[in-house]
């Protein structure tokens, strides 16, 4: 081990008192590390954290600055405790250590440790030690605070792993057992809500599995695509059909083209090569300034403005799932989309592909130009790009849902099969 990455023992004196603890977790160490490595997401699983970020942004790295705020030890206490630390030692999957020295006369050193126990289990630990006259002056408070941080961190991580946070899941949607399995990759919120009516109807005739990635904690879009490809290969054997929407279309393309997902056919709804950057930046600004409760109250109206017409679709499950989504993760995935051209990513799908685009999609920069680009990308035998009347980026009006279901069923059932394509068993 490089000496500069090794945890150095904190200076001990009669005033130093380590506060430490560990817990054994029924989850692989990689999953625990992945959740921990998403610093802006700490508030979602650690009850002691109100907000957190690194400067520069990204996963923990030695030399970066950590900015965060603690929630109060008791809910009735009306304070938020800000903190600034320098990350000194980072060994991915093993430990993270930082030092707090911003307060004169106060020095604290905190280490989170990760140990692989084998058999898909790991040990997660928290260790903290402080010294200095400012620490001694308020020693009872600091000891209580350190115990609060230790207990909240350990219990929060254990609870998050029981909820399978930090990883995508493959959720079966039907009891059908014959035919090529259909894998559904949702849009930005990671849940089935965007495609729920289509999934419900398509799953009546084919084995259908939805990738739920609401709790993923990947730092990059490409990492999420790789995780989903591995998940599907582990859970299902042989070829699959893919139904994907919005950001999920890019994820599916990368999973197929870069990570070996064996697809037979693909249906993409609301695919895009470029998005309206200004609208998405405004959405992220709203997320950053509004409390979560307020954002979730406003999110249906915001998404209707961003995505397109609702029609008779106000009862669509999309809105319920959007309200329940984690704004921090939605903002992260939005940043993955802003300023990028995904033409080369979508072109990685070599299989027969049906692309359905709403005729009133407001998510893309220029709908006519986008459709021309998509038709160029999918100009191959067995592929087609169609416009669906009265639909936006999310197919909310019921006529749009009916059109999409009929088109998808016709396409997946092989009405336009190409020579040599494997038929469903």
Protein backbone atom coordinates (compact mmCIF):
# COMPACT_ATOMS: atom_id res chain seq x y z
CA UNK A 1 0.00 0.00 0.00
CA UNK A 2 1.29 3.45 -0.88
CA UNK A 3 2.30 5.26 2.30
CA UNK A 4 0.46 8.42 1.33
CA UNK A 5 -2.83 6.47 1.15
CA UNK A 6 -2.38 4.80 4.52
CA UNK A 7 -4.47 6.03 7.45
CA UNK A 8 -2.15 7.73 9.90
CA UNK A 9 -3.05 7.40 13.58
CA UNK A 10 -4.46 10.61 14.99
CA UNK A 11 -2.37 12.39 17.62
CA UNK A 12 -3.41 11.08 21.01
CA UNK A 13 -3.63 13.04 24.25
CA UNK A 14 -5.59 12.86 27.46
CA UNK A 15 -8.38 14.74 25.71
CA UNK A 16 -8.71 12.43 22.71
CA UNK A 17 -11.52 9.89 22.90
CA UNK A 18 -12.28 7.71 19.88
CA UNK A 19 -15.94 7.03 19.09
CA UNK A 20 -16.15 3.93 16.95
CA UNK A 21 -18.37 1.06 15.88
CA UNK A 22 -19.02 -1.45 13.12
CA UNK A 23 -21.95 -3.36 11.69
CA UNK A 24 -22.08 -6.45 9.48
CA UNK A 25 -24.26 -6.04 6.40
CA UNK A 26 -25.79 -8.66 4.09
CA UNK A 27 -24.64 -6.93 0.91
CA UNK A 28 -21.45 -7.04 -1.16
CA UNK A 29 -18.85 -4.45 -0.30
CA UNK A 30 -19.01 -3.07 -3.86
CA UNK A 31 -22.68 -2.16 -3.40
CA UNK A 32 -22.02 -0.48 -0.04
CA UNK A 33 -19.12 1.46 -1.52
CA UNK A 34 -21.20 2.49 -4.52
CA UNK A 35 -23.90 3.96 -2.27
CA UNK A 36 -21.33 5.68 -0.07
CA UNK A 37 -19.45 7.06 -3.07
CA UNK A 38 -22.48 9.12 -4.15
CA UNK A 39 -21.79 12.01 -1.78
CA UNK A 40 -24.80 14.20 -2.80
CA UNK A 41 -26.98 11.17 -2.03
CA UNK A 42 -25.83 10.81 1.60
CA UNK A 43 -28.92 12.59 2.87
CA UNK A 44 -31.04 9.82 1.36
CA UNK A 45 -29.68 7.04 3.57
CA UNK A 46 -27.79 8.67 6.47
CA UNK A 47 -30.20 10.27 9.00
CA UNK A 48 -27.51 12.58 10.39
CA UNK A 49 -26.76 14.30 7.05
CA UNK A 50 -28.87 17.16 5.70
CA UNK A 51 -26.82 17.92 2.59
CA UNK A 52 -23.36 17.01 1.29
CA UNK A 53 -21.09 17.54 -1.70
CA UNK A 54 -17.46 17.38 -2.73
CA UNK A 55 -15.37 20.08 -4.39
CA UNK A 56 -14.57 19.30 -7.12
CA UNK A 57 -17.73 17.25 -7.59
CA UNK A 58 -17.49 13.51 -8.00
CA UNK A 59 -16.83 10.44 -5.85
CA UNK A 60 -14.56 10.78 -2.79
CA UNK A 61 -10.95 11.47 -3.76
CA UNK A 62 -7.88 12.31 -1.69
CA UNK A 63 -7.21 16.06 -1.69
CA UNK A 64 -10.79 17.13 -2.44
CA UNK A 65 -12.90 19.19 -0.06
CA UNK A 66 -16.00 17.84 1.62
CA UNK A 67 -18.81 20.26 2.44
CA UNK A 68 -21.82 19.09 4.41
CA UNK A 69 -24.31 19.92 7.12
CA UNK A 70 -25.50 17.73 10.00
CA UNK A 71 -29.05 17.40 11.15
CA UNK A 72 -29.60 18.05 14.89
CA UNK A 73 -29.14 15.26 17.42
CA UNK A 74 -32.78 15.69 18.42
CA UNK A 75 -35.49 16.80 16.03
CA UNK A 76 -36.67 19.45 18.47
CA UNK A 77 -33.28 21.15 18.35
CA UNK A 78 -33.44 23.91 15.75
CA UNK A 79 -29.95 23.92 14.27
CA UNK A 80 -27.97 22.67 11.28
CA UNK A 81 -24.28 22.12 11.91
CA UNK A 82 -22.13 22.95 8.83
CA UNK A 83 -18.75 21.31 8.34
CA UNK A 84 -15.77 21.55 6.01
CA UNK A 85 -13.15 18.81 5.75
CA UNK A 86 -10.25 17.75 3.59
CA UNK A 87 -10.27 14.18 2.32
CA UNK A 88 -6.84 12.81 3.19
CA UNK A 89 -6.99 9.06 2.54
CA UNK A 90 -9.26 7.33 0.02
CA UNK A 91 -8.90 3.66 -0.90
CA UNK A 92 -11.99 2.70 -2.95
CA UNK A 93 -13.89 -0.15 -1.36
CA UNK A 94 -11.75 -0.06 1.81
CA UNK A 95 -11.69 3.31 3.58
CA UNK A 96 -12.33 7.04 3.44
CA UNK A 97 -10.72 9.44 5.92
CA UNK A 98 -11.08 13.19 6.30
CA UNK A 99 -9.82 15.83 8.71
CA UNK A 100 -11.67 18.86 10.07
CA UNK A 101 -9.39 21.76 10.96
CA UNK A 102 -11.43 24.78 9.83
CA UNK A 103 -12.44 25.69 13.40
CA UNK A 104 -9.53 27.23 15.39
CA UNK A 105 -8.52 24.96 18.27
CA UNK A 106 -10.48 21.99 16.91
CA UNK A 107 -9.10 18.97 15.07
CA UNK A 108 -11.18 15.93 14.18
CA UNK A 109 -10.39 12.88 12.10
CA UNK A 110 -13.13 10.59 10.81
CA UNK A 111 -12.70 7.26 9.02
CA UNK A 112 -15.34 5.10 7.38
CA UNK A 113 -14.10 1.58 6.70
CA UNK A 114 -15.33 -1.20 4.41
CA UNK A 115 -14.29 -4.85 4.74
CA UNK A 116 -15.28 -7.73 2.48
CA UNK A 117 -16.44 -10.69 4.59
CA UNK A 118 -17.08 -12.98 1.63
CA UNK A 119 -20.36 -14.64 0.60
CA UNK A 120 -21.85 -11.28 -0.37
CA UNK A 121 -21.40 -9.75 3.09
CA UNK A 122 -19.29 -6.87 4.39
CA UNK A 123 -18.41 -4.95 7.55
CA UNK A 124 -19.02 -1.19 7.61
CA UNK A 125 -17.31 0.87 10.29
CA UNK A 126 -17.16 4.42 11.65
CA UNK A 127 -14.24 5.79 13.71
CA UNK A 128 -13.83 9.38 14.93
CA UNK A 129 -11.38 11.15 17.20
CA UNK A 130 -10.99 14.82 18.13
CA UNK A 131 -8.67 17.07 20.10
CA UNK A 132 -7.93 20.74 20.79
CA UNK A 133 -9.15 23.43 23.20
CA UNK A 134 -12.36 24.11 21.20
CA UNK A 135 -13.16 20.40 21.44
CA UNK A 136 -12.44 20.26 25.19
CA UNK A 137 -14.58 23.32 25.86
CA UNK A 138 -17.69 21.58 24.45
CA UNK A 139 -16.59 18.00 24.97
CA UNK A 140 -20.01 16.63 26.15
CA UNK A 141 -21.71 18.03 23.04
CA UNK A 142 -19.04 16.71 20.67
CA UNK A 143 -19.10 13.24 22.19
CA UNK A 144 -22.87 13.13 21.88
CA UNK A 145 -22.58 14.39 18.30
CA UNK A 146 -19.95 11.80 17.36
CA UNK A 147 -22.10 8.99 18.79
CA UNK A 148 -25.08 10.34 16.84
CA UNK A 149 -23.03 10.31 13.63
CA UNK A 150 -21.72 6.80 14.30
CA UNK A 151 -25.12 5.29 15.12
CA UNK A 152 -26.96 7.07 12.31
CA UNK A 153 -24.31 6.09 9.75
CA UNK A 154 -24.23 2.42 10.71
CA UNK A 155 -27.99 1.96 11.04
CA UNK A 156 -28.66 4.07 7.94
CA UNK A 157 -26.33 2.03 5.76
CA UNK A 158 -27.70 -1.27 7.07
CA UNK A 159 -31.28 -0.14 6.42
CA UNK A 160 -30.35 1.11 2.94
CA UNK A 161 -28.84 -2.25 2.03
CA UNK A 162 -31.98 -4.02 3.25
CA UNK A 163 -33.86 -1.81 0.78
CA UNK A 164 -31.27 -2.77 -1.87
CA UNK A 165 -30.21 0.85 -2.32
CA UNK A 166 -27.15 1.48 -4.41
CA UNK A 167 -28.16 -1.10 -7.02
CA UNK A 168 -30.66 -1.63 -9.80
CA UNK A 169 -33.26 -4.41 -9.55
CA UNK A 170 -35.03 -6.54 -12.14
CA UNK A 171 -38.71 -6.79 -11.23
CA UNK A 172 -40.93 -9.38 -12.90
CA UNK A 173 -44.24 -7.94 -14.12
CA UNK A 174 -46.09 -10.96 -15.48
CA UNK A 175 -46.66 -14.65 -15.06
CA UNK A 176 -46.23 -15.42 -18.75
CA UNK A 177 -43.51 -18.01 -19.30
CA UNK A 178 -43.26 -18.39 -23.07
CA UNK A 179 -41.69 -16.10 -25.62
CA UNK A 180 -38.64 -13.88 -25.65
CA UNK A 181 -38.44 -11.95 -22.35
CA UNK A 182 -39.13 -8.23 -22.58
CA UNK A 183 -36.78 -6.04 -20.52
CA UNK A 184 -38.13 -2.55 -19.81
CA UNK A 185 -35.69 0.30 -19.11
CA UNK A 186 -37.53 3.35 -17.68
CA UNK A 187 -36.69 7.02 -18.04
CA UNK A 188 -35.02 9.51 -15.74
CA UNK A 189 -36.79 8.71 -12.46
CA UNK A 190 -35.75 5.05 -12.79
CA UNK A 191 -39.22 3.63 -12.05
CA UNK A 192 -41.85 1.89 -14.16
CA UNK A 193 -44.21 4.87 -13.89
CA UNK A 194 -43.41 6.39 -17.30
CA UNK A 195 -44.26 3.15 -19.10
CA UNK A 196 -46.72 1.60 -16.65
CA UNK A 197 -49.77 1.32 -18.96
CA UNK A 198 -47.64 -0.15 -21.76
CA UNK A 199 -45.96 -2.58 -19.38
CA UNK A 200 -49.29 -3.71 -17.97
CA UNK A 201 -50.68 -4.53 -21.40
CA UNK A 202 -47.55 -5.96 -23.02
CA UNK A 203 -46.88 -8.22 -20.03
CA UNK A 204 -50.13 -10.12 -20.63
CA UNK A 205 -48.58 -12.00 -23.53
CA UNK A 206 -44.84 -12.20 -22.78
CA UNK A 207 -42.47 -12.52 -19.81
CA UNK A 208 -41.82 -8.92 -18.82
CA UNK A 209 -39.19 -7.52 -16.46
CA UNK A 210 -38.76 -3.88 -15.46
CA UNK A 211 -35.34 -2.53 -14.51
CA UNK A 212 -35.94 -0.45 -11.38
CA UNK A 213 -32.94 1.83 -10.96
CA UNK A 214 -34.48 4.36 -8.58
CA UNK A 215 -31.83 3.64 -5.95
CA UNK A 216 -28.76 3.32 -8.18
CA UNK A 217 -25.74 5.40 -7.16
CA UNK A 218 -23.55 5.39 -10.26
CA UNK A 219 -21.29 8.40 -10.88
CA UNK A 220 -21.65 8.16 -14.68
CA UNK A 221 -24.31 7.18 -17.20
CA UNK A 222 -21.93 4.61 -18.65
CA UNK A 223 -21.60 2.96 -15.23
CA UNK A 224 -25.37 2.64 -14.94
CA UNK A 225 -25.57 1.05 -18.40
CA UNK A 226 -22.92 -1.48 -17.45
CA UNK A 227 -24.68 -2.32 -14.19
CA UNK A 228 -27.99 -2.92 -15.97
CA UNK A 229 -26.37 -5.11 -18.63
CA UNK A 230 -24.74 -7.26 -15.93
CA UNK A 231 -28.01 -7.45 -14.01
CA UNK A 232 -29.98 -8.70 -17.02
CA UNK A 233 -27.31 -11.23 -17.99
CA UNK A 234 -27.28 -12.57 -14.44
CA UNK A 235 -31.05 -12.87 -14.10
CA UNK A 236 -32.03 -13.93 -17.64
CA UNK A 237 -30.47 -16.28 -20.17
CA UNK A 238 -30.42 -15.92 -23.92
CA UNK A 239 -31.82 -13.14 -26.06
CA UNK A 240 -34.21 -10.49 -24.76
CA UNK A 241 -36.35 -7.81 -26.33
CA UNK A 242 -35.90 -4.29 -24.98
CA UNK A 243 -38.46 -1.54 -24.41
CA UNK A 244 -36.89 1.73 -23.30
CA UNK A 245 -37.91 5.34 -22.97
CA UNK A 246 -36.12 8.70 -22.81
CA UNK A 247 -32.82 8.37 -20.90
CA UNK A 248 -33.51 4.64 -20.76
CA UNK A 249 -33.08 4.48 -24.55
CA UNK A 250 -29.49 5.69 -24.21
CA UNK A 251 -28.89 3.28 -21.32
CA UNK A 252 -30.25 0.42 -23.42
CA UNK A 253 -28.09 1.39 -26.39
CA UNK A 254 -24.94 1.43 -24.26
CA UNK A 255 -25.92 -1.83 -22.55
CA UNK A 256 -26.30 -3.49 -25.96
CA UNK A 257 -23.40 -1.89 -27.78
CA UNK A 258 -20.81 -1.54 -25.03
CA UNK A 259 -21.67 -4.15 -22.42
CA UNK A 260 -22.85 -7.19 -24.36
CA UNK A 261 -26.57 -7.23 -23.60
CA UNK A 262 -27.92 -9.81 -26.07
CA UNK A 263 -30.97 -8.11 -27.59
CA UNK A 264 -33.21 -9.45 -30.35
CA UNK A 265 -35.30 -6.31 -30.96
CA UNK A 266 -35.68 -2.88 -29.40
CA UNK A 267 -38.57 -0.46 -29.02
CA UNK A 268 -37.53 3.09 -28.09
CA UNK A 269 -40.11 5.66 -26.96
CA UNK A 270 -39.16 9.33 -26.78
CA UNK A 271 -35.55 8.65 -27.76
CA UNK A 272 -33.32 11.69 -28.21
CA UNK A 273 -29.90 12.71 -29.40
CA UNK A 274 -30.01 16.18 -27.78
CA UNK A 275 -32.32 17.76 -25.19
CA UNK A 276 -33.47 21.28 -24.36
CA UNK A 277 -30.60 22.16 -22.06
CA UNK A 278 -32.16 25.38 -20.72
CA UNK A 279 -35.31 23.61 -19.53
CA UNK A 280 -33.36 20.89 -17.76
CA UNK A 281 -31.01 23.37 -16.12
CA UNK A 282 -34.08 25.27 -14.88
CA UNK A 283 -35.49 22.02 -13.48
CA UNK A 284 -32.22 21.33 -11.63
CA UNK A 285 -32.19 24.87 -10.26
CA UNK A 286 -35.69 24.29 -8.94
CA UNK A 287 -34.55 21.08 -7.28
CA UNK A 288 -31.62 22.86 -5.62
CA UNK A 289 -33.64 25.73 -4.10
CA UNK A 290 -36.90 24.04 -3.12
CA UNK A 291 -37.43 21.75 -0.14
CA UNK A 292 -38.14 18.18 -1.20
CA UNK A 293 -41.76 18.41 -0.12
CA UNK A 294 -42.33 21.51 -2.26
CA UNK A 295 -40.56 20.06 -5.27
CA UNK A 296 -42.60 16.87 -5.11
CA UNK A 297 -45.78 18.94 -4.93
CA UNK A 298 -44.76 20.94 -8.01
CA UNK A 299 -43.08 18.14 -9.97
CA UNK A 300 -46.17 16.99 -11.95
CA UNK A 301 -46.67 20.51 -13.29
CA UNK A 302 -42.95 20.95 -13.99
CA UNK A 303 -42.73 17.66 -15.87
CA UNK A 304 -45.89 18.40 -17.85
CA UNK A 305 -44.26 21.67 -18.95
CA UNK A 306 -40.96 20.00 -19.83
CA UNK A 307 -42.27 16.87 -21.55
CA UNK A 308 -45.40 17.84 -23.48
CA UNK A 309 -49.20 17.56 -23.43
CA UNK A 310 -51.05 15.56 -20.79
CA UNK A 311 -54.51 15.31 -22.35
CA UNK A 312 -56.59 12.84 -20.35
CA UNK A 313 -53.49 11.44 -18.65
CA UNK A 314 -53.47 13.29 -15.32
CA UNK A 315 -54.19 9.99 -13.56
CA UNK A 316 -51.24 8.33 -15.31
CA UNK A 317 -48.90 6.49 -12.83
CA UNK A 318 -46.08 8.66 -14.18
CA UNK A 319 -47.05 11.54 -11.90
CA UNK A 320 -47.32 9.38 -8.78
CA UNK A 321 -43.87 7.89 -9.38
CA UNK A 322 -42.35 11.31 -10.14
CA UNK A 323 -43.61 12.66 -6.82
CA UNK A 324 -42.03 9.70 -5.03
CA UNK A 325 -38.66 10.01 -6.80
CA UNK A 326 -35.48 11.26 -5.17
CA UNK A 327 -34.86 14.81 -6.46
CA UNK A 328 -31.11 14.52 -5.88
CA UNK A 329 -30.86 11.47 -8.14
CA UNK A 330 -33.14 13.04 -10.75
CA UNK A 331 -30.86 16.10 -10.82
CA UNK A 332 -27.79 13.87 -11.20
CA UNK A 333 -29.30 12.00 -14.16
CA UNK A 334 -30.41 15.29 -15.68
CA UNK A 335 -26.80 16.46 -15.63
CA UNK A 336 -25.89 13.32 -17.59
CA UNK A 337 -28.12 14.56 -20.41
CA UNK A 338 -27.28 18.26 -20.58
CA UNK A 339 -24.90 19.35 -23.32
CA UNK A 340 -24.41 15.90 -24.87
CA UNK A 341 -25.10 14.49 -28.30
CA UNK A 342 -26.18 10.85 -28.02
CA UNK A 343 -26.21 10.06 -31.74
CA UNK A 344 -23.22 7.76 -31.52
CA UNK A 345 -24.71 6.01 -28.49
CA UNK A 346 -28.07 5.23 -30.13
CA UNK A 347 -26.27 4.06 -33.26
CA UNK A 348 -24.80 1.20 -31.18
CA UNK A 349 -28.12 -0.65 -31.50
CA UNK A 350 -27.62 -2.82 -34.60
CA UNK A 351 -30.77 -4.89 -34.02
CA UNK A 352 -34.16 -4.13 -35.64
CA UNK A 353 -35.51 -1.09 -33.80
CA UNK A 354 -38.86 0.68 -33.64
CA UNK A 355 -38.65 4.31 -32.51
CA UNK A 356 -41.89 6.03 -31.43
CA UNK A 357 -41.76 9.82 -31.09
CA UNK A 358 -44.54 12.04 -29.81
CA UNK A 359 -45.60 14.65 -32.37
CA UNK A 360 -45.60 17.25 -29.57
CA UNK A 361 -42.44 16.23 -27.72
CA UNK A 362 -41.05 19.34 -25.98
CA UNK A 363 -38.10 17.55 -24.38
CA UNK A 364 -35.92 17.64 -27.50
CA UNK A 365 -34.36 20.76 -29.02
CA UNK A 366 -35.97 20.56 -32.47
CA UNK A 367 -38.48 17.77 -33.04
CA UNK A 368 -38.35 17.80 -36.86
CA UNK A 369 -34.56 17.77 -36.83
CA UNK A 370 -34.54 15.06 -34.16
CA UNK A 371 -36.81 12.79 -36.19
CA UNK A 372 -34.65 13.26 -39.30
CA UNK A 373 -31.56 12.37 -37.27
CA UNK A 374 -33.22 9.27 -35.80
CA UNK A 375 -34.36 8.11 -39.23
CA UNK A 376 -30.79 8.43 -40.44
CA UNK A 377 -29.47 6.49 -37.44
CA UNK A 378 -32.00 3.67 -37.83
CA UNK A 379 -31.99 3.43 -41.63
CA UNK A 380 -31.70 -0.34 -41.78
CA UNK A 381 -33.95 -3.30 -42.72
CA UNK A 382 -36.53 -4.02 -40.03
CA UNK A 383 -36.19 -0.62 -38.31
CA UNK A 384 -38.60 2.31 -38.38
CA UNK A 385 -39.17 5.72 -36.81
CA UNK A 386 -42.82 6.76 -36.34
CA UNK A 387 -44.57 9.84 -35.02
CA UNK A 388 -47.44 9.30 -32.57
CA UNK A 389 -50.09 12.05 -32.83
CA UNK A 390 -50.95 14.17 -29.76
CA UNK A 391 -48.18 12.59 -27.69
CA UNK A 392 -45.42 14.40 -25.85
CA UNK A 393 -42.13 13.05 -24.58
CA UNK A 394 -44.06 10.85 -22.15
CA UNK A 395 -47.04 9.10 -23.75
CA UNK A 396 -49.74 10.34 -21.37
CA UNK A 397 -52.95 10.74 -23.41
CA UNK A 398 -54.71 7.37 -23.66
CA UNK A 399 -54.86 7.41 -27.51
CA UNK A 400 -51.06 7.71 -27.55
CA UNK A 401 -50.76 4.75 -25.17
CA UNK A 402 -53.10 2.68 -27.38
CA UNK A 403 -51.06 3.52 -30.48
CA UNK A 404 -47.79 2.66 -28.75
CA UNK A 405 -49.06 -0.68 -27.43
CA UNK A 406 -50.39 -1.72 -30.81
CA UNK A 407 -47.19 -0.72 -32.59
CA UNK A 408 -44.94 -2.39 -30.01
CA UNK A 409 -46.92 -5.64 -30.02
CA UNK A 410 -46.92 -5.78 -33.81
CA UNK A 411 -43.17 -5.13 -33.93
CA UNK A 412 -42.16 -7.50 -31.12
CA UNK A 413 -44.38 -10.28 -32.43
CA UNK A 414 -42.25 -10.26 -35.57
CA UNK A 415 -44.61 -8.81 -38.16
CA UNK A 416 -41.51 -7.19 -39.66
CA UNK A 417 -39.04 -9.98 -38.93
CA UNK A 418 -35.81 -9.96 -40.84
CA UNK A 419 -34.14 -13.01 -42.46
CA UNK A 420 -32.18 -15.11 -40.01
CA UNK A 421 -33.78 -13.56 -36.92
CA UNK A 422 -34.41 -16.05 -34.16
CA UNK A 423 -38.07 -16.67 -33.46
CA UNK A 424 -39.39 -16.61 -29.94
CA UNK A 425 -39.35 -20.06 -28.32
